[in-house]
Amino acid sequence: MLIAAFILVMSLAATVQFAVFIWRAGLLRVAAEPVSEPMLAAETSANPLNTNDFASATAVQGLFPDLDTNAVPKFRAVRLYFSFLKLAKQIGNIAVSPGAPGFGGWTTREMALCTRYATVVLSQRLERNRMLCDEARSF
């Protein structure tokens, strides 16, 4: 009975780890796409990869309404991941030392990835909205 419970716990842990890796791979895939030129021109900040600009990048989401009815990525999971990273960075700063390389560098890179993801998704939304507006004007 104990071996069966151990196998169950290990398989559940492996399934959760696999799901997290798949989700993060999707995040990386979207973040690797280029940002459109209009988004670069109307940049929300001077540096789109600044980790402190995630809040402003997601706040702009309300300014770009979703005109397309297709499934558009939401920021809820990324926002939760970003909050987890901020908490991990604060704990790392307390446990090790502020600004220490290693753990702090990892959280900073992951926070920049979240900001890049939000910028790319908003850029794609802006591009879709522009195409829908152009299509509506053609009638």
N, C-alpha and C. Protein backbone atom coordinates (compact mmCIF):
# COMPACT_ATOMS: atom_id res chain seq x y z
N MET A 1 0.82 -1.20 0.00
CA MET A 1 0.00 0.00 0.00
C MET A 1 0.87 1.26 0.00
N LEU A 2 1.94 1.23 0.75
CA LEU A 2 2.83 2.38 0.83
C LEU A 2 3.51 2.65 -0.51
N ILE A 3 3.88 1.58 -1.21
CA ILE A 3 4.53 1.75 -2.52
C ILE A 3 3.54 2.34 -3.52
N ALA A 4 2.30 1.92 -3.47
CA ALA A 4 1.28 2.46 -4.38
C ALA A 4 1.05 3.94 -4.12
N ALA A 5 1.01 4.35 -2.85
CA ALA A 5 0.84 5.76 -2.52
C ALA A 5 2.05 6.58 -2.98
N PHE A 6 3.24 6.02 -2.82
CA PHE A 6 4.45 6.69 -3.26
C PHE A 6 4.44 6.88 -4.78
N ILE A 7 4.04 5.83 -5.51
CA ILE A 7 3.96 5.93 -6.97
C ILE A 7 2.92 6.96 -7.39
N LEU A 8 1.80 7.00 -6.70
CA LEU A 8 0.75 7.99 -7.01
C LEU A 8 1.27 9.41 -6.79
N VAL A 9 1.92 9.65 -5.66
CA VAL A 9 2.44 10.99 -5.36
C VAL A 9 3.50 11.41 -6.37
N MET A 10 4.38 10.50 -6.71
CA MET A 10 5.44 10.82 -7.68
C MET A 10 4.86 11.08 -9.07
N SER A 11 3.86 10.32 -9.48
CA SER A 11 3.27 10.54 -10.80
C SER A 11 2.49 11.85 -10.84
N LEU A 12 1.82 12.21 -9.75
CA LEU A 12 1.13 13.49 -9.69
C LEU A 12 2.13 14.65 -9.74
N ALA A 13 3.23 14.52 -9.02
CA ALA A 13 4.26 15.56 -9.05
C ALA A 13 4.86 15.70 -10.44
N ALA A 14 5.09 14.58 -11.11
CA ALA A 14 5.63 14.63 -12.48
C ALA A 14 4.63 15.26 -13.44
N THR A 15 3.35 14.98 -13.26
CA THR A 15 2.32 15.57 -14.11
C THR A 15 2.24 17.08 -13.91
N VAL A 16 2.30 17.52 -12.67
CA VAL A 16 2.27 18.96 -12.40
C VAL A 16 3.51 19.63 -12.97
N GLN A 17 4.67 19.02 -12.81
CA GLN A 17 5.90 19.58 -13.35
C GLN A 17 5.82 19.66 -14.87
N PHE A 18 5.29 18.64 -15.51
CA PHE A 18 5.14 18.64 -16.97
C PHE A 18 4.19 19.76 -17.40
N ALA A 19 3.09 19.95 -16.69
CA ALA A 19 2.13 21.00 -17.04
C ALA A 19 2.77 22.38 -16.90
N VAL A 20 3.57 22.58 -15.87
CA VAL A 20 4.24 23.87 -15.68
C VAL A 20 5.25 24.12 -16.79
N PHE A 21 5.99 23.09 -17.17
CA PHE A 21 6.97 23.25 -18.25
C PHE A 21 6.28 23.54 -19.58
N ILE A 22 5.16 22.90 -19.85
CA ILE A 22 4.42 23.16 -21.09
C ILE A 22 3.88 24.59 -21.09
N TRP A 23 3.36 25.06 -19.96
CA TRP A 23 2.84 26.43 -19.87
C TRP A 23 3.98 27.43 -20.11
N ARG A 24 5.12 27.18 -19.49
CA ARG A 24 6.25 28.09 -19.65
C ARG A 24 6.79 28.08 -21.08
N ALA A 25 6.75 26.93 -21.74
CA ALA A 25 7.17 26.86 -23.14
C ALA A 25 6.26 27.70 -24.02
N GLY A 26 4.96 27.70 -23.74
CA GLY A 26 4.04 28.56 -24.46
C GLY A 26 4.33 30.03 -24.21
N LEU A 27 4.67 30.35 -22.98
CA LEU A 27 5.04 31.72 -22.64
C LEU A 27 6.28 32.15 -23.40
N LEU A 28 7.27 31.28 -23.46
CA LEU A 28 8.50 31.58 -24.20
C LEU A 28 8.23 31.72 -25.70
N ARG A 29 7.35 30.88 -26.24
CA ARG A 29 7.04 30.93 -27.67
C ARG A 29 6.43 32.28 -28.03
N VAL A 30 5.49 32.74 -27.23
CA VAL A 30 4.84 34.03 -27.51
C VAL A 30 5.83 35.17 -27.29
N ALA A 31 6.62 35.10 -26.23
CA ALA A 31 7.56 36.19 -25.92
C ALA A 31 8.67 36.30 -26.96
N ALA A 32 8.93 35.24 -27.71
CA ALA A 32 9.98 35.28 -28.72
C ALA A 32 9.52 35.95 -30.01
N GLU A 33 8.22 36.17 -30.17
CA GLU A 33 7.72 36.80 -31.39
C GLU A 33 8.07 38.29 -31.39
N PRO A 34 8.21 38.85 -32.58
CA PRO A 34 8.58 40.28 -32.64
C PRO A 34 7.41 41.18 -32.25
N VAL A 35 7.75 42.34 -31.74
CA VAL A 35 6.76 43.36 -31.40
C VAL A 35 6.52 44.19 -32.65
N SER A 36 5.25 44.50 -32.94
CA SER A 36 4.94 45.24 -34.16
C SER A 36 5.45 46.67 -34.09
N GLU A 37 5.65 47.25 -35.24
CA GLU A 37 6.18 48.61 -35.33
C GLU A 37 5.30 49.65 -34.64
N PRO A 38 3.96 49.61 -34.79
CA PRO A 38 3.15 50.63 -34.08
C PRO A 38 3.30 50.54 -32.57
N MET A 39 3.49 49.33 -32.07
CA MET A 39 3.66 49.19 -30.62
C MET A 39 5.00 49.77 -30.18
N LEU A 40 6.01 49.61 -31.02
CA LEU A 40 7.30 50.20 -30.70
C LEU A 40 7.22 51.72 -30.74
N ALA A 41 6.44 52.25 -31.70
CA ALA A 41 6.30 53.69 -31.81
C ALA A 41 5.52 54.26 -30.63
N ALA A 42 4.48 53.55 -30.21
CA ALA A 42 3.66 54.00 -29.09
C ALA A 42 4.02 53.20 -27.85
N GLU A 43 5.30 53.11 -27.60
CA GLU A 43 5.82 52.28 -26.53
C GLU A 43 5.27 52.75 -25.19
N THR A 44 4.92 51.77 -24.34
CA THR A 44 4.38 52.12 -23.03
C THR A 44 5.46 52.60 -22.08
N SER A 45 6.69 52.28 -22.38
CA SER A 45 7.79 52.72 -21.53
C SER A 45 9.03 52.85 -22.39
N ALA A 46 10.07 53.41 -21.83
CA ALA A 46 11.31 53.58 -22.58
C ALA A 46 11.98 52.23 -22.85
N ASN A 47 11.82 51.29 -21.97
CA ASN A 47 12.43 49.98 -22.13
C ASN A 47 11.35 48.91 -21.97
N PRO A 48 10.92 48.23 -23.06
CA PRO A 48 9.85 47.26 -22.93
C PRO A 48 10.22 46.03 -22.11
N LEU A 49 11.50 45.81 -21.86
CA LEU A 49 11.91 44.66 -21.07
C LEU A 49 12.21 45.03 -19.62
N ASN A 50 11.87 46.22 -19.21
CA ASN A 50 12.07 46.62 -17.83
C ASN A 50 11.12 45.82 -16.96
N THR A 51 11.64 45.13 -15.97
CA THR A 51 10.81 44.25 -15.15
C THR A 51 9.80 45.03 -14.31
N ASN A 52 10.03 46.29 -14.08
CA ASN A 52 9.10 47.08 -13.28
C ASN A 52 7.92 47.57 -14.10
N ASP A 53 7.94 47.38 -15.40
CA ASP A 53 6.87 47.89 -16.25
C ASP A 53 5.80 46.85 -16.55
N PHE A 54 5.81 45.71 -15.89
CA PHE A 54 4.78 44.71 -16.14
C PHE A 54 3.41 45.24 -15.77
N ALA A 55 3.32 45.95 -14.67
CA ALA A 55 2.03 46.50 -14.24
C ALA A 55 1.49 47.49 -15.27
N SER A 56 2.36 48.35 -15.78
CA SER A 56 1.89 49.31 -16.78
C SER A 56 1.58 48.63 -18.11
N ALA A 57 2.33 47.58 -18.45
CA ALA A 57 2.05 46.86 -19.68
C ALA A 57 0.70 46.15 -19.62
N THR A 58 0.36 45.59 -18.47
CA THR A 58 -0.94 44.94 -18.35
C THR A 58 -2.06 45.96 -18.14
N ALA A 59 -1.74 47.12 -17.61
CA ALA A 59 -2.77 48.16 -17.45
C ALA A 59 -3.21 48.70 -18.81
N VAL A 60 -2.32 48.67 -19.77
CA VAL A 60 -2.64 49.15 -21.12
C VAL A 60 -3.65 48.21 -21.79
N GLN A 61 -3.80 47.01 -21.25
CA GLN A 61 -4.73 46.04 -21.80
C GLN A 61 -6.15 46.63 -21.91
N GLY A 62 -6.53 47.45 -20.97
CA GLY A 62 -7.85 48.08 -21.02
C GLY A 62 -7.97 49.12 -22.13
N LEU A 63 -6.85 49.69 -22.56
CA LEU A 63 -6.89 50.67 -23.64
C LEU A 63 -7.04 50.03 -25.01
N PHE A 64 -6.64 48.76 -25.12
CA PHE A 64 -6.75 48.03 -26.38
C PHE A 64 -7.86 47.00 -26.23
N PRO A 65 -9.11 47.39 -26.47
CA PRO A 65 -10.19 46.42 -26.30
C PRO A 65 -10.03 45.28 -27.29
N ASP A 66 -10.52 44.12 -26.90
CA ASP A 66 -10.43 42.94 -27.75
C ASP A 66 -11.61 42.94 -28.71
N LEU A 67 -11.38 43.34 -29.95
CA LEU A 67 -12.43 43.38 -30.94
C LEU A 67 -12.64 42.03 -31.61
N ASP A 68 -11.64 41.19 -31.56
CA ASP A 68 -11.73 39.87 -32.16
C ASP A 68 -12.35 38.91 -31.14
N THR A 69 -13.26 38.06 -31.60
CA THR A 69 -13.93 37.14 -30.67
C THR A 69 -13.16 35.84 -30.46
N ASN A 70 -12.05 35.66 -31.17
CA ASN A 70 -11.24 34.45 -30.98
C ASN A 70 -10.60 34.47 -29.60
N ALA A 71 -10.14 33.32 -29.19
CA ALA A 71 -9.50 33.21 -27.88
C ALA A 71 -8.22 34.03 -27.85
N VAL A 72 -8.17 34.96 -26.96
CA VAL A 72 -7.00 35.82 -26.80
C VAL A 72 -6.39 35.52 -25.44
N PRO A 73 -5.08 35.42 -25.37
CA PRO A 73 -4.47 35.12 -24.07
C PRO A 73 -4.81 36.18 -23.02
N LYS A 74 -5.13 35.71 -21.85
CA LYS A 74 -5.38 36.60 -20.73
C LYS A 74 -4.11 36.67 -19.90
N PHE A 75 -4.03 37.67 -19.08
CA PHE A 75 -2.83 37.90 -18.29
C PHE A 75 -2.94 37.33 -16.88
N ARG A 76 -4.01 36.63 -16.56
CA ARG A 76 -4.21 36.17 -15.19
C ARG A 76 -3.08 35.24 -14.74
N ALA A 77 -2.77 34.23 -15.55
CA ALA A 77 -1.73 33.27 -15.16
C ALA A 77 -0.36 33.94 -15.14
N VAL A 78 -0.10 34.82 -16.10
CA VAL A 78 1.19 35.50 -16.15
C VAL A 78 1.30 36.48 -14.98
N ARG A 79 0.20 37.13 -14.65
CA ARG A 79 0.20 38.05 -13.50
C ARG A 79 0.48 37.28 -12.20
N LEU A 80 -0.11 36.10 -12.07
CA LEU A 80 0.13 35.27 -10.89
C LEU A 80 1.59 34.83 -10.84
N TYR A 81 2.14 34.42 -11.98
CA TYR A 81 3.55 34.02 -12.06
C TYR A 81 4.46 35.19 -11.72
N PHE A 82 4.13 36.38 -12.22
CA PHE A 82 4.93 37.57 -11.93
C PHE A 82 4.89 37.88 -10.43
N SER A 83 3.72 37.75 -9.82
CA SER A 83 3.61 37.98 -8.37
C SER A 83 4.44 36.97 -7.59
N PHE A 84 4.41 35.71 -8.03
CA PHE A 84 5.23 34.68 -7.40
C PHE A 84 6.71 35.03 -7.52
N LEU A 85 7.13 35.51 -8.67
CA LEU A 85 8.54 35.87 -8.88
C LEU A 85 8.94 37.05 -8.00
N LYS A 86 8.05 38.04 -7.86
CA LYS A 86 8.36 39.17 -6.98
C LYS A 86 8.54 38.70 -5.54
N LEU A 87 7.66 37.81 -5.11
CA LEU A 87 7.77 37.27 -3.76
C LEU A 87 9.06 36.47 -3.59
N ALA A 88 9.38 35.65 -4.60
CA ALA A 88 10.62 34.85 -4.53
C ALA A 88 11.85 35.75 -4.51
N LYS A 89 11.80 36.84 -5.27
CA LYS A 89 12.93 37.77 -5.28
C LYS A 89 13.09 38.44 -3.91
N GLN A 90 11.98 38.82 -3.29
CA GLN A 90 12.06 39.44 -1.96
C GLN A 90 12.60 38.46 -0.93
N ILE A 91 12.14 37.20 -1.00
CA ILE A 91 12.64 36.19 -0.07
C ILE A 91 14.12 35.94 -0.32
N GLY A 92 14.52 35.90 -1.60
CA GLY A 92 15.93 35.71 -1.92
C GLY A 92 16.78 36.87 -1.44
N ASN A 93 16.26 38.09 -1.53
CA ASN A 93 17.01 39.25 -1.04
C ASN A 93 17.18 39.20 0.48
N ILE A 94 16.19 38.69 1.17
CA ILE A 94 16.29 38.58 2.63
C ILE A 94 17.23 37.45 3.01
N ALA A 95 17.09 36.31 2.33
CA ALA A 95 17.87 35.12 2.70
C ALA A 95 19.34 35.24 2.30
N VAL A 96 19.62 35.77 1.12
CA VAL A 96 21.00 35.83 0.65
C VAL A 96 21.52 37.24 0.90
N SER A 97 21.44 38.06 -0.11
CA SER A 97 21.79 39.47 0.04
C SER A 97 21.15 40.20 -1.13
N PRO A 98 20.78 41.45 -0.94
CA PRO A 98 20.11 42.18 -2.01
C PRO A 98 20.96 42.27 -3.26
N GLY A 99 20.36 41.93 -4.38
CA GLY A 99 21.03 42.05 -5.67
C GLY A 99 22.10 41.02 -5.93
N ALA A 100 22.11 39.93 -5.17
CA ALA A 100 23.13 38.90 -5.36
C ALA A 100 22.88 38.17 -6.68
N PRO A 101 23.94 37.81 -7.39
CA PRO A 101 23.74 37.06 -8.63
C PRO A 101 23.22 35.66 -8.33
N GLY A 102 22.70 35.02 -9.33
CA GLY A 102 22.19 33.67 -9.14
C GLY A 102 20.68 33.71 -9.04
N PHE A 103 20.16 33.48 -7.84
CA PHE A 103 18.71 33.42 -7.66
C PHE A 103 18.04 34.73 -8.04
N GLY A 104 18.63 35.84 -7.63
CA GLY A 104 18.07 37.14 -7.98
C GLY A 104 18.12 37.40 -9.48
N GLY A 105 19.17 36.93 -10.13
CA GLY A 105 19.28 37.08 -11.58
C GLY A 105 18.22 36.28 -12.31
N TRP A 106 17.92 35.07 -11.80
CA TRP A 106 16.89 34.23 -12.41
C TRP A 106 15.52 34.91 -12.32
N THR A 107 15.19 35.41 -11.15
CA THR A 107 13.88 36.05 -11.01
C THR A 107 13.79 37.30 -11.87
N THR A 108 14.87 38.05 -11.98
CA THR A 108 14.85 39.25 -12.83
C THR A 108 14.65 38.87 -14.29
N ARG A 109 15.30 37.82 -14.74
CA ARG A 109 15.12 37.37 -16.14
C ARG A 109 13.70 36.88 -16.38
N GLU A 110 13.15 36.16 -15.43
CA GLU A 110 11.78 35.65 -15.59
C GLU A 110 10.77 36.79 -15.56
N MET A 111 11.02 37.81 -14.72
CA MET A 111 10.13 38.97 -14.69
C MET A 111 10.20 39.74 -16.01
N ALA A 112 11.40 39.82 -16.59
CA ALA A 112 11.54 40.46 -17.90
C ALA A 112 10.82 39.65 -18.96
N LEU A 113 10.82 38.33 -18.84
CA LEU A 113 10.09 37.48 -19.77
C LEU A 113 8.59 37.74 -19.68
N CYS A 114 8.08 37.90 -18.48
CA CYS A 114 6.65 38.21 -18.31
C CYS A 114 6.31 39.55 -18.94
N THR A 115 7.17 40.54 -18.75
CA THR A 115 6.94 41.85 -19.35
C THR A 115 6.98 41.76 -20.87
N ARG A 116 7.93 41.02 -21.40
CA ARG A 116 8.03 40.83 -22.85
C ARG A 116 6.77 40.14 -23.38
N TYR A 117 6.28 39.14 -22.67
CA TYR A 117 5.06 38.43 -23.06
C TYR A 117 3.88 39.41 -23.13
N ALA A 118 3.72 40.24 -22.10
CA ALA A 118 2.62 41.19 -22.09
C ALA A 118 2.74 42.18 -23.24
N THR A 119 3.95 42.63 -23.54
CA THR A 119 4.17 43.57 -24.64
C THR A 119 3.82 42.94 -25.98
N VAL A 120 4.23 41.69 -26.18
CA VAL A 120 3.95 41.01 -27.45
C VAL A 120 2.46 40.75 -27.61
N VAL A 121 1.80 40.31 -26.55
CA VAL A 121 0.36 40.04 -26.63
C VAL A 121 -0.40 41.33 -26.92
N LEU A 122 -0.03 42.42 -26.28
CA LEU A 122 -0.70 43.70 -26.56
C LEU A 122 -0.41 44.17 -27.98
N SER A 123 0.78 43.92 -28.46
CA SER A 123 1.12 44.27 -29.84
C SER A 123 0.27 43.47 -30.82
N GLN A 124 0.11 42.19 -30.56
CA GLN A 124 -0.73 41.36 -31.42
C GLN A 124 -2.18 41.80 -31.38
N ARG A 125 -2.66 42.17 -30.20
CA ARG A 125 -4.04 42.64 -30.08
C ARG A 125 -4.23 43.94 -30.86
N LEU A 126 -3.27 44.84 -30.76
CA LEU A 126 -3.35 46.10 -31.50
C LEU A 126 -3.37 45.85 -33.00
N GLU A 127 -2.54 44.90 -33.45
CA GLU A 127 -2.49 44.57 -34.88
C GLU A 127 -3.81 43.95 -35.34
N ARG A 128 -4.38 43.05 -34.55
CA ARG A 128 -5.68 42.45 -34.90
C ARG A 128 -6.77 43.51 -34.94
N ASN A 129 -6.77 44.42 -33.97
CA ASN A 129 -7.77 45.48 -33.96
C ASN A 129 -7.63 46.38 -35.18
N ARG A 130 -6.40 46.66 -35.58
CA ARG A 130 -6.19 47.49 -36.76
C ARG A 130 -6.71 46.78 -38.02
N MET A 131 -6.45 45.48 -38.14
CA MET A 131 -6.95 44.73 -39.29
C MET A 131 -8.47 44.68 -39.31
N LEU A 132 -9.11 44.51 -38.15
CA LEU A 132 -10.57 44.50 -38.09
C LEU A 132 -11.14 45.87 -38.46
N CYS A 133 -10.49 46.94 -38.02
CA CYS A 133 -10.96 48.29 -38.36
C CYS A 133 -10.80 48.55 -39.85
N ASP A 134 -9.67 48.12 -40.42
CA ASP A 134 -9.47 48.27 -41.87
C ASP A 134 -10.51 47.47 -42.64
N GLU A 135 -10.83 46.29 -42.15
CA GLU A 135 -11.84 45.47 -42.82
C GLU A 135 -13.22 46.12 -42.72
N ALA A 136 -13.52 46.72 -41.58
CA ALA A 136 -14.82 47.40 -41.42
C ALA A 136 -14.92 48.64 -42.29
N ARG A 137 -13.80 49.33 -42.50
CA ARG A 137 -13.81 50.53 -43.35
C ARG A 137 -13.96 50.19 -44.82
N SER A 138 -13.61 48.96 -45.20
CA SER A 138 -13.67 48.59 -46.61
C SER A 138 -15.10 48.38 -47.10
N PHE A 139 -16.06 48.32 -46.20
CA PHE A 139 -17.46 48.12 -46.63
C PHE A 139 -18.05 49.39 -47.12
